[in-house]
Amino acid sequence: MANELAYGELVTTGLNTITIIVPTAGLWTFKGQLSLPTLTAGGVPSSVVTTIKQNGGSALLTSTAGASGFQLPIQCALADSITIAFTSSLPSDALLNVMKCAIQYFVGV
């Protein structure tokens, strides 16, 4: 990707919330790729929703249910707290390790 200075990567599993503290001020991009439960015969698709907030404020991004990824540039100050929450109202999404997300965050777009 052009103008990209990679800074960090992480993988999270299950419905949870992660927090990333940005180490420098600037325009940071947060990008994630989700692996969601697959549809089975007679089943329903995943309803995982991703929500991203900065410093506990209003949601900057709320994905549609079952979206397979996200990418969001955020103007950050030093030590801003970015929270990425994965939630679902579907019981099958809550099973241990059924959902996985690989997250990258970097300065630039």
Protein backbone atom coordinates (compact mmCIF):
# COMPACT_ATOMS: atom_id res chain seq x y z
CA MET A 1 0.00 0.00 0.00
CA ALA A 2 1.28 3.42 -0.88
CA ASN A 3 2.31 5.80 1.90
CA GLU A 4 2.11 3.04 4.49
CA LEU A 5 4.47 2.74 7.42
CA ALA A 6 3.48 -0.49 9.16
CA TYR A 7 3.52 -0.26 12.90
CA GLY A 8 1.63 -3.16 14.37
CA GLU A 9 -0.34 -6.29 13.77
CA LEU A 10 -2.37 -8.45 16.07
CA VAL A 11 -4.87 -11.27 15.91
CA THR A 12 -7.83 -11.55 18.24
CA THR A 13 -10.37 -14.34 18.60
CA GLY A 14 -13.90 -14.36 19.91
CA LEU A 15 -16.28 -11.56 20.72
CA ASN A 16 -14.28 -9.06 22.76
CA THR A 17 -12.87 -5.55 22.89
CA ILE A 18 -9.26 -4.64 22.27
CA THR A 19 -7.52 -1.34 22.98
CA ILE A 20 -4.61 0.11 21.03
CA ILE A 21 -2.70 3.12 22.38
CA VAL A 22 -1.14 5.04 19.50
CA PRO A 23 2.52 5.91 20.14
CA THR A 24 2.70 9.04 17.97
CA ALA A 25 0.40 11.78 16.72
CA GLY A 26 -0.72 11.62 13.11
CA LEU A 27 -3.14 10.04 10.71
CA TRP A 28 -3.40 6.35 11.64
CA THR A 29 -5.22 3.69 9.63
CA PHE A 30 -6.84 0.72 11.34
CA LYS A 31 -7.56 -2.21 9.07
CA GLY A 32 -9.08 -5.58 9.94
CA GLN A 33 -9.98 -8.80 8.17
CA LEU A 34 -12.52 -11.01 9.93
CA SER A 35 -12.92 -14.76 9.63
CA LEU A 36 -16.53 -15.41 10.53
CA PRO A 37 -18.53 -18.60 11.10
CA THR A 38 -19.69 -20.09 7.82
CA LEU A 39 -23.31 -20.62 6.97
CA THR A 40 -24.46 -24.20 7.48
CA ALA A 41 -27.53 -25.87 6.06
CA GLY A 42 -30.54 -24.34 7.77
CA GLY A 43 -28.32 -21.96 9.74
CA VAL A 44 -28.09 -18.21 9.76
CA PRO A 45 -25.14 -16.05 8.71
CA SER A 46 -22.88 -14.41 11.25
CA SER A 47 -24.10 -11.22 12.90
CA VAL A 48 -20.74 -9.92 14.19
CA VAL A 49 -20.64 -6.11 14.32
CA THR A 50 -17.37 -4.17 14.62
CA THR A 51 -17.40 -0.84 16.47
CA ILE A 52 -14.39 1.51 16.62
CA LYS A 53 -14.12 4.40 19.10
CA GLN A 54 -11.44 6.96 19.88
CA ASN A 55 -10.81 7.86 23.54
CA GLY A 56 -14.15 6.35 24.58
CA GLY A 57 -16.17 8.80 22.50
CA SER A 58 -18.88 8.18 19.96
CA ALA A 59 -18.48 5.37 17.46
CA LEU A 60 -16.36 6.36 14.48
CA LEU A 61 -17.32 3.15 12.70
CA THR A 62 -20.11 0.65 13.20
CA SER A 63 -20.03 -2.09 10.59
CA THR A 64 -22.99 -3.88 9.13
CA ALA A 65 -23.70 -7.27 10.70
CA GLY A 66 -21.51 -9.96 9.18
CA ALA A 67 -19.11 -7.56 7.41
CA SER A 68 -15.83 -9.32 6.65
CA GLY A 69 -13.51 -6.38 7.27
CA PHE A 70 -12.95 -2.71 7.94
CA GLN A 71 -10.51 0.09 7.17
CA LEU A 72 -10.67 3.43 8.94
CA PRO A 73 -8.22 6.36 8.98
CA ILE A 74 -8.27 8.31 12.28
CA GLN A 75 -6.43 11.54 13.12
CA CYS A 76 -4.79 10.78 16.48
CA ALA A 77 -2.91 12.65 19.16
CA LEU A 78 -0.07 11.09 21.13
CA ALA A 79 -1.40 8.28 23.39
CA ASP A 80 -4.94 8.28 22.00
CA SER A 81 -6.87 5.14 22.90
CA ILE A 82 -8.55 3.29 20.03
CA THR A 83 -11.00 0.57 21.02
CA ILE A 84 -12.22 -2.05 18.58
CA ALA A 85 -15.19 -4.07 19.82
CA PHE A 86 -16.68 -7.19 18.28
CA THR A 87 -20.27 -7.93 19.33
CA SER A 88 -23.15 -10.10 18.15
CA SER A 89 -26.66 -10.99 19.22
CA LEU A 90 -26.34 -14.43 17.62
CA PRO A 91 -25.47 -17.18 20.15
CA SER A 92 -23.40 -19.16 17.62
CA ASP A 93 -21.07 -16.15 17.15
CA ALA A 94 -20.25 -16.27 20.88
CA LEU A 95 -18.75 -19.76 20.79
CA LEU A 96 -15.09 -19.86 21.79
CA ASN A 97 -12.73 -18.90 18.93
CA VAL A 98 -15.45 -19.06 16.27
CA MET A 99 -14.59 -15.53 15.08
CA LYS A 100 -11.06 -14.30 14.35
CA CYS A 101 -9.81 -10.87 13.26
CA ALA A 102 -6.36 -9.92 11.97
CA ILE A 103 -5.76 -6.21 12.63
CA GLN A 104 -3.09 -3.94 11.20
CA TYR A 105 -2.52 -0.34 12.27
CA PHE A 106 -0.12 2.08 10.67
CA VAL A 107 0.64 5.75 10.03
CA GLY A 108 -0.72 6.85 6.67
CA VAL A 109 -3.58 5.81 4.45
